[in-house]
Amino acid sequence: MKLKSLLNENVLGDLPSSKLKKMKWNPVTDKEPVNEGLKSNIMQKWDTTQVIEKDLVEFINSAQDASGSELTSKVYIALKNATEHARRVMRKG
């Protein structure tokens, strides 16, 4: 399977990004991004769940290519922890 096909495939299943709320920062209407204490500028780049997913898949593949399974395992653990945090946040409502 080609990389482009993999990136276009939703690993997490259907993510109807057109129905999801956009991030707080809109590059068209807002001059400065809302980073709210983030160490990076992901709010500028990640405007839909599809973009997030594609970036994460690409990052994981790059980590594996660059450093092998050890780094990929650490990325997996970090994403698992972030997923658990997201579940707790969603349960709080």
C-alpha atoms as a PDB file:
ATOM      1  CA  MET A   1       0.000   0.000   0.000  1.00  0.00           C
ATOM      2  CA  LYS A   2       1.365   3.416  -0.905  1.00  0.00           C
ATOM      3  CA  LEU A   3       2.246   5.916   1.833  1.00  0.00           C
ATOM      4  CA  LYS A   4      -0.199   8.445   0.412  1.00  0.00           C
ATOM      5  CA  SER A   5      -2.997   5.864   0.658  1.00  0.00           C
ATOM      6  CA  LEU A   6      -2.016   5.085   4.239  1.00  0.00           C
ATOM      7  CA  LEU A   7      -2.049   8.746   5.159  1.00  0.00           C
ATOM      8  CA  ASN A   8      -5.443   9.241   3.550  1.00  0.00           C
ATOM      9  CA  GLU A   9      -6.831   6.217   5.396  1.00  0.00           C
ATOM     10  CA  ASN A  10      -8.257   7.009   8.816  1.00  0.00           C
ATOM     11  CA  VAL A  11      -6.517   4.663  11.222  1.00  0.00           C
ATOM     12  CA  LEU A  12      -9.041   5.513  13.908  1.00  0.00           C
ATOM     13  CA  GLY A  13     -12.060   4.938  11.668  1.00  0.00           C
ATOM     14  CA  ASP A  14     -14.313   7.607  10.214  1.00  0.00           C
ATOM     15  CA  LEU A  15     -13.512  11.028  11.594  1.00  0.00           C
ATOM     16  CA  PRO A  16     -16.152  13.419  10.266  1.00  0.00           C
ATOM     17  CA  SER A  17     -13.922  16.462  10.560  1.00  0.00           C
ATOM     18  CA  SER A  18     -16.367  18.629   8.666  1.00  0.00           C
ATOM     19  CA  LYS A  19     -18.797  18.208  11.580  1.00  0.00           C
ATOM     20  CA  LEU A  20     -16.225  18.799  14.315  1.00  0.00           C
ATOM     21  CA  LYS A  21     -15.533  22.128  15.919  1.00  0.00           C
ATOM     22  CA  LYS A  22     -12.460  23.869  14.620  1.00  0.00           C
ATOM     23  CA  MET A  23      -9.553  24.781  16.850  1.00  0.00           C
ATOM     24  CA  LYS A  24      -9.702  28.078  18.744  1.00  0.00           C
ATOM     25  CA  TRP A  25      -7.292  29.871  16.425  1.00  0.00           C
ATOM     26  CA  ASN A  26      -8.357  30.788  12.911  1.00  0.00           C
ATOM     27  CA  PRO A  27      -5.416  31.980  10.763  1.00  0.00           C
ATOM     28  CA  VAL A  28      -7.772  33.961   8.519  1.00  0.00           C
ATOM     29  CA  THR A  29      -9.546  35.977  11.205  1.00  0.00           C
ATOM     30  CA  ASP A  30      -7.036  35.993  14.087  1.00  0.00           C
ATOM     31  CA  LYS A  31      -3.649  37.671  13.875  1.00  0.00           C
ATOM     32  CA  GLU A  32      -2.003  35.730  16.693  1.00  0.00           C
ATOM     33  CA  PRO A  33      -2.474  32.050  17.515  1.00  0.00           C
ATOM     34  CA  VAL A  34      -3.874  30.931  20.839  1.00  0.00           C
ATOM     35  CA  ASN A  35      -1.171  28.654  22.240  1.00  0.00           C
ATOM     36  CA  GLU A  36      -2.341  28.625  25.852  1.00  0.00           C
ATOM     37  CA  GLY A  37       0.984  27.448  27.238  1.00  0.00           C
ATOM     38  CA  LEU A  38       1.827  24.960  24.477  1.00  0.00           C
ATOM     39  CA  LYS A  39       5.502  24.436  23.676  1.00  0.00           C
ATOM     40  CA  SER A  40       4.858  24.278  19.931  1.00  0.00           C
ATOM     41  CA  ASN A  41       2.648  25.928  17.344  1.00  0.00           C
ATOM     42  CA  ILE A  42       0.372  22.926  16.756  1.00  0.00           C
ATOM     43  CA  MET A  43      -2.712  25.114  17.011  1.00  0.00           C
ATOM     44  CA  GLN A  44      -1.613  26.805  13.772  1.00  0.00           C
ATOM     45  CA  LYS A  45      -1.114  23.548  11.927  1.00  0.00           C
ATOM     46  CA  TRP A  46      -3.667  21.136  13.359  1.00  0.00           C
ATOM     47  CA  ASP A  47      -7.005  22.564  12.270  1.00  0.00           C
ATOM     48  CA  THR A  48      -8.837  19.262  11.735  1.00  0.00           C
ATOM     49  CA  THR A  49      -8.658  15.759  13.148  1.00  0.00           C
ATOM     50  CA  GLN A  50      -7.561  14.485   9.733  1.00  0.00           C
ATOM     51  CA  VAL A  51      -4.502  16.752   9.796  1.00  0.00           C
ATOM     52  CA  ILE A  52      -3.722  15.618  13.345  1.00  0.00           C
ATOM     53  CA  GLU A  53      -3.961  11.962  12.378  1.00  0.00           C
ATOM     54  CA  LYS A  54      -1.833  12.354   9.240  1.00  0.00           C
ATOM     55  CA  ASP A  55       0.854  14.242  11.157  1.00  0.00           C
ATOM     56  CA  LEU A  56       0.932  11.629  13.920  1.00  0.00           C
ATOM     57  CA  VAL A  57       1.212   8.759  11.422  1.00  0.00           C
ATOM     58  CA  GLU A  58       4.020  10.577   9.604  1.00  0.00           C
ATOM     59  CA  PHE A  59       5.769  11.338  12.904  1.00  0.00           C
ATOM     60  CA  ILE A  60       5.575   7.687  14.001  1.00  0.00           C
ATOM     61  CA  ASN A  61       6.956   6.487  10.676  1.00  0.00           C
ATOM     62  CA  SER A  62       9.777   9.043  10.847  1.00  0.00           C
ATOM     63  CA  ALA A  63      10.604   8.033  14.426  1.00  0.00           C
ATOM     64  CA  GLN A  64      10.779   4.383  13.391  1.00  0.00           C
ATOM     65  CA  ASP A  65      12.980   5.180  10.381  1.00  0.00           C
ATOM     66  CA  ALA A  66      15.304   7.414  12.387  1.00  0.00           C
ATOM     67  CA  SER A  67      15.682   5.544  15.651  1.00  0.00           C
ATOM     68  CA  GLY A  68      13.948   2.206  15.394  1.00  0.00           C
ATOM     69  CA  SER A  69      11.589   0.503  17.777  1.00  0.00           C
ATOM     70  CA  GLU A  70      12.944   2.062  20.972  1.00  0.00           C
ATOM     71  CA  LEU A  71      11.801   5.577  20.044  1.00  0.00           C
ATOM     72  CA  THR A  72       8.607   4.285  18.449  1.00  0.00           C
ATOM     73  CA  SER A  73       7.799   2.492  21.708  1.00  0.00           C
ATOM     74  CA  LYS A  74       8.275   5.731  23.662  1.00  0.00           C
ATOM     75  CA  VAL A  75       6.017   7.586  21.212  1.00  0.00           C
ATOM     76  CA  TYR A  76       3.422   4.827  21.606  1.00  0.00           C
ATOM     77  CA  ILE A  77       3.477   5.197  25.396  1.00  0.00           C
ATOM     78  CA  ALA A  78       3.171   8.995  25.144  1.00  0.00           C
ATOM     79  CA  LEU A  79       0.201   8.710  22.768  1.00  0.00           C
ATOM     80  CA  LYS A  80      -1.418   6.078  24.985  1.00  0.00           C
ATOM     81  CA  ASN A  81      -1.074   8.413  27.992  1.00  0.00           C
ATOM     82  CA  ALA A  82      -2.532  11.287  25.971  1.00  0.00           C
ATOM     83  CA  THR A  83      -5.428   9.062  24.896  1.00  0.00           C
ATOM     84  CA  GLU A  84      -6.187   8.152  28.501  1.00  0.00           C
ATOM     85  CA  HIS A  85      -6.123  11.832  29.423  1.00  0.00           C
ATOM     86  CA  ALA A  86      -8.560  12.603  26.594  1.00  0.00           C
ATOM     87  CA  ARG A  87     -10.920   9.901  27.871  1.00  0.00           C
ATOM     88  CA  ARG A  88     -10.860  11.411  31.370  1.00  0.00           C
ATOM     89  CA  VAL A  89     -11.541  14.882  29.970  1.00  0.00           C
ATOM     90  CA  MET A  90     -14.461  13.596  27.878  1.00  0.00           C
ATOM     91  CA  ARG A  91     -15.991  11.791  30.852  1.00  0.00           C
ATOM     92  CA  LYS A  92     -15.945  15.010  32.855  1.00  0.00           C
ATOM     93  CA  GLY A  93     -17.943  16.568  30.049  1.00  0.00           C
END
